[in-house]
Amino acid sequence: ILNQKAVLDVLYGDDNYEKAWGFRLLVIDGSKIHLPNTPEIIQEFGTIRFET
């Protein structure tokens, strides 16, 4: 659902997007955001576990 709302609906919702050599081009970079470590954030998004 997040991908649908954050990427597809925003980029392709109005069918008015640029094409490269006739193809739709979607680029996603490796940017990260740091969310506060609060109970509300953890409840909504969960956490990751680092294993060594």
Protein backbone atom coordinates (compact mmCIF):
# COMPACT_ATOMS: atom_id res chain seq x y z
CA ILE A 1 0.00 0.00 0.00
CA LEU A 2 2.85 2.42 0.80
CA ASN A 3 4.38 1.88 -2.65
CA GLN A 4 0.98 2.47 -4.27
CA LYS A 5 0.41 5.77 -2.45
CA ALA A 6 3.97 7.11 -2.29
CA VAL A 7 5.21 6.17 -5.74
CA LEU A 8 2.68 4.92 -8.24
CA ASP A 9 -0.22 7.28 -7.53
CA VAL A 10 2.07 10.31 -7.34
CA LEU A 11 4.15 9.57 -10.43
CA TYR A 12 1.58 7.97 -12.70
CA GLY A 13 -1.76 9.18 -11.37
CA ASP A 14 -2.39 11.73 -14.12
CA ASP A 15 -0.66 9.92 -17.04
CA ASN A 16 1.45 13.05 -17.56
CA TYR A 17 5.01 11.80 -17.17
CA GLU A 18 8.23 12.03 -19.16
CA LYS A 19 9.48 9.09 -21.21
CA ALA A 20 13.00 8.08 -22.18
CA TRP A 21 13.23 6.41 -25.60
CA GLY A 22 9.51 5.66 -25.37
CA PHE A 23 9.72 4.00 -21.96
CA ARG A 24 8.53 5.21 -18.57
CA LEU A 25 11.54 5.73 -16.37
CA LEU A 26 11.34 5.49 -12.60
CA VAL A 27 14.43 5.97 -10.50
CA ILE A 28 14.59 5.32 -6.78
CA ASP A 29 17.69 6.32 -4.88
CA GLY A 30 19.11 5.04 -1.63
CA SER A 31 18.21 8.06 0.47
CA LYS A 32 17.33 7.39 4.07
CA ILE A 33 15.42 9.29 6.68
CA HIS A 34 15.91 8.93 10.40
CA LEU A 35 12.69 8.79 12.39
CA PRO A 36 12.58 9.54 16.10
CA ASN A 37 12.73 6.45 18.29
CA THR A 38 9.34 6.92 19.92
CA PRO A 39 6.73 4.32 20.90
CA GLU A 40 4.32 5.74 18.30
CA ILE A 41 6.85 5.40 15.47
CA ILE A 42 7.82 1.89 16.56
CA GLN A 43 4.17 0.85 16.78
CA GLU A 44 3.41 2.21 13.30
CA PHE A 45 6.52 1.10 11.41
CA GLY A 46 8.20 -1.49 13.61
CA THR A 47 11.95 -1.87 14.02
CA ILE A 48 14.73 -3.83 12.40
CA ARG A 49 16.99 -6.27 14.15
CA PHE A 50 20.70 -6.30 13.40
CA GLU A 51 22.26 -9.74 13.50
CA THR A 52 26.00 -10.27 13.71
